[in-house]
Amino acid sequence: MKNEIVQLEFDNDIYNTIRHNIKKYRREKKLTSAQLAEMIGLSHDFIRQIESEKVGNNFSVDTLYKIAVVLEVSLDRLIEK
C-alpha cells in the first residue's frame, strides 16, 4: 500500500464564518447582542466586537463555548460554512 497524502480543505476565513453564525443564531433566538453578553458574563461591546468584521480575532474557545450554550447550538454549527 502506498501512503497517500490527503489534501485537507481549511476555512481560511474561519473567524468571519464564526461571526456570521453567531449573529445568525443570536437573531434566530431573538436575542440582542446586549442580552447575549449579559447571559455569558461579557460586555456588550465585546459581543459587538466579536460580530464585527472590523475587529481582530480576539475570542477564546471558552467564549465560543459559552455562546454556543446560550444559543443552544453545537460548536460545530458555529464553525460551519
C-alpha atoms as a PDB file:
ATOM      1  CA  MET A   1       0.000   0.000   0.000  1.00  0.00           C
ATOM      2  CA  LYS A   2       1.170   3.448  -0.846  1.00  0.00           C
ATOM      3  CA  ASN A   3       0.962   6.243   1.634  1.00  0.00           C
ATOM      4  CA  GLU A   4      -1.285   8.824   0.099  1.00  0.00           C
ATOM      5  CA  ILE A   5      -1.272  12.416   1.143  1.00  0.00           C
ATOM      6  CA  VAL A   6      -4.779  13.648   1.702  1.00  0.00           C
ATOM      7  CA  GLN A   7      -5.417  17.247   0.783  1.00  0.00           C
ATOM      8  CA  LEU A   8      -7.400  18.899   3.534  1.00  0.00           C
ATOM      9  CA  GLU A   9      -9.542  21.944   2.988  1.00  0.00           C
ATOM     10  CA  PHE A  10      -9.357  24.622   5.630  1.00  0.00           C
ATOM     11  CA  ASP A  11     -11.676  27.583   6.022  1.00  0.00           C
ATOM     12  CA  ASN A  12      -9.240  30.459   5.580  1.00  0.00           C
ATOM     13  CA  ASP A  13     -11.902  32.848   6.773  1.00  0.00           C
ATOM     14  CA  ILE A  14     -12.925  30.890   9.894  1.00  0.00           C
ATOM     15  CA  TYR A  15     -13.319  33.928  12.155  1.00  0.00           C
ATOM     16  CA  ASN A  16     -15.742  35.572   9.734  1.00  0.00           C
ATOM     17  CA  THR A  17     -17.635  32.288   9.408  1.00  0.00           C
ATOM     18  CA  ILE A  18     -17.955  32.162  13.198  1.00  0.00           C
ATOM     19  CA  ARG A  19     -19.002  35.827  13.377  1.00  0.00           C
ATOM     20  CA  HIS A  20     -21.695  35.287  10.763  1.00  0.00           C
ATOM     21  CA  ASN A  21     -23.030  32.191  12.525  1.00  0.00           C
ATOM     22  CA  ILE A  22     -23.094  33.791  15.973  1.00  0.00           C
ATOM     23  CA  LYS A  23     -25.103  36.701  14.623  1.00  0.00           C
ATOM     24  CA  LYS A  24     -27.415  34.356  12.666  1.00  0.00           C
ATOM     25  CA  TYR A  25     -28.202  32.086  15.621  1.00  0.00           C
ATOM     26  CA  ARG A  26     -28.492  35.033  18.017  1.00  0.00           C
ATOM     27  CA  ARG A  27     -31.095  36.617  15.774  1.00  0.00           C
ATOM     28  CA  GLU A  28     -32.943  33.291  15.428  1.00  0.00           C
ATOM     29  CA  LYS A  29     -33.179  33.190  19.244  1.00  0.00           C
ATOM     30  CA  LYS A  30     -34.423  36.804  19.112  1.00  0.00           C
ATOM     31  CA  LEU A  31     -31.623  37.970  21.403  1.00  0.00           C
ATOM     32  CA  THR A  32     -29.894  41.321  21.222  1.00  0.00           C
ATOM     33  CA  SER A  33     -26.124  41.392  21.466  1.00  0.00           C
ATOM     34  CA  ALA A  34     -26.575  43.051  24.885  1.00  0.00           C
ATOM     35  CA  GLN A  35     -28.739  40.150  26.089  1.00  0.00           C
ATOM     36  CA  LEU A  36     -26.239  37.590  24.811  1.00  0.00           C
ATOM     37  CA  ALA A  37     -23.422  39.471  26.519  1.00  0.00           C
ATOM     38  CA  GLU A  38     -25.264  39.523  29.838  1.00  0.00           C
ATOM     39  CA  MET A  39     -26.036  35.804  29.616  1.00  0.00           C
ATOM     40  CA  ILE A  40     -22.366  34.863  29.194  1.00  0.00           C
ATOM     41  CA  GLY A  41     -20.937  37.499  31.511  1.00  0.00           C
ATOM     42  CA  LEU A  42     -19.177  39.664  28.948  1.00  0.00           C
ATOM     43  CA  SER A  43     -19.587  43.284  27.953  1.00  0.00           C
ATOM     44  CA  HIS A  44     -21.955  44.328  25.206  1.00  0.00           C
ATOM     45  CA  ASP A  45     -19.028  45.973  23.414  1.00  0.00           C
ATOM     46  CA  PHE A  46     -17.112  42.693  23.406  1.00  0.00           C
ATOM     47  CA  ILE A  47     -20.019  40.837  21.756  1.00  0.00           C
ATOM     48  CA  ARG A  48     -20.327  43.622  19.193  1.00  0.00           C
ATOM     49  CA  GLN A  49     -16.601  43.256  18.504  1.00  0.00           C
ATOM     50  CA  ILE A  50     -16.916  39.501  18.045  1.00  0.00           C
ATOM     51  CA  GLU A  51     -19.690  40.029  15.491  1.00  0.00           C
ATOM     52  CA  SER A  52     -17.828  42.828  13.702  1.00  0.00           C
ATOM     53  CA  GLU A  53     -15.543  42.024  10.775  1.00  0.00           C
ATOM     54  CA  LYS A  54     -13.538  45.173  11.550  1.00  0.00           C
ATOM     55  CA  VAL A  55     -12.143  43.851  14.817  1.00  0.00           C
ATOM     56  CA  GLY A  56      -9.317  41.384  15.296  1.00  0.00           C
ATOM     57  CA  ASN A  57      -9.702  37.729  16.061  1.00  0.00           C
ATOM     58  CA  ASN A  58      -9.799  38.020  19.814  1.00  0.00           C
ATOM     59  CA  PHE A  59     -12.207  35.493  21.265  1.00  0.00           C
ATOM     60  CA  SER A  60     -11.352  32.317  23.110  1.00  0.00           C
ATOM     61  CA  VAL A  61     -12.664  28.782  22.872  1.00  0.00           C
ATOM     62  CA  ASP A  62     -14.231  29.343  26.302  1.00  0.00           C
ATOM     63  CA  THR A  63     -16.172  32.346  24.971  1.00  0.00           C
ATOM     64  CA  LEU A  64     -17.192  30.434  21.859  1.00  0.00           C
ATOM     65  CA  TYR A  65     -18.397  27.534  24.032  1.00  0.00           C
ATOM     66  CA  LYS A  66     -20.475  29.844  26.263  1.00  0.00           C
ATOM     67  CA  ILE A  67     -22.055  31.488  23.230  1.00  0.00           C
ATOM     68  CA  ALA A  68     -22.922  28.061  21.789  1.00  0.00           C
ATOM     69  CA  VAL A  69     -24.569  27.011  25.065  1.00  0.00           C
ATOM     70  CA  VAL A  70     -26.676  30.181  25.267  1.00  0.00           C
ATOM     71  CA  LEU A  71     -27.674  29.939  21.604  1.00  0.00           C
ATOM     72  CA  GLU A  72     -28.400  26.220  22.046  1.00  0.00           C
ATOM     73  CA  VAL A  73     -26.248  25.181  19.093  1.00  0.00           C
ATOM     74  CA  SER A  74     -23.272  22.867  18.931  1.00  0.00           C
ATOM     75  CA  LEU A  75     -19.787  24.279  18.443  1.00  0.00           C
ATOM     76  CA  ASP A  76     -19.617  22.673  15.016  1.00  0.00           C
ATOM     77  CA  ARG A  77     -22.669  24.700  13.962  1.00  0.00           C
ATOM     78  CA  LEU A  78     -20.750  27.890  14.787  1.00  0.00           C
ATOM     79  CA  ILE A  79     -17.853  26.924  12.546  1.00  0.00           C
ATOM     80  CA  GLU A  80     -19.989  25.544   9.713  1.00  0.00           C
ATOM     81  CA  LYS A  81     -19.511  27.335   6.395  1.00  0.00           C
END
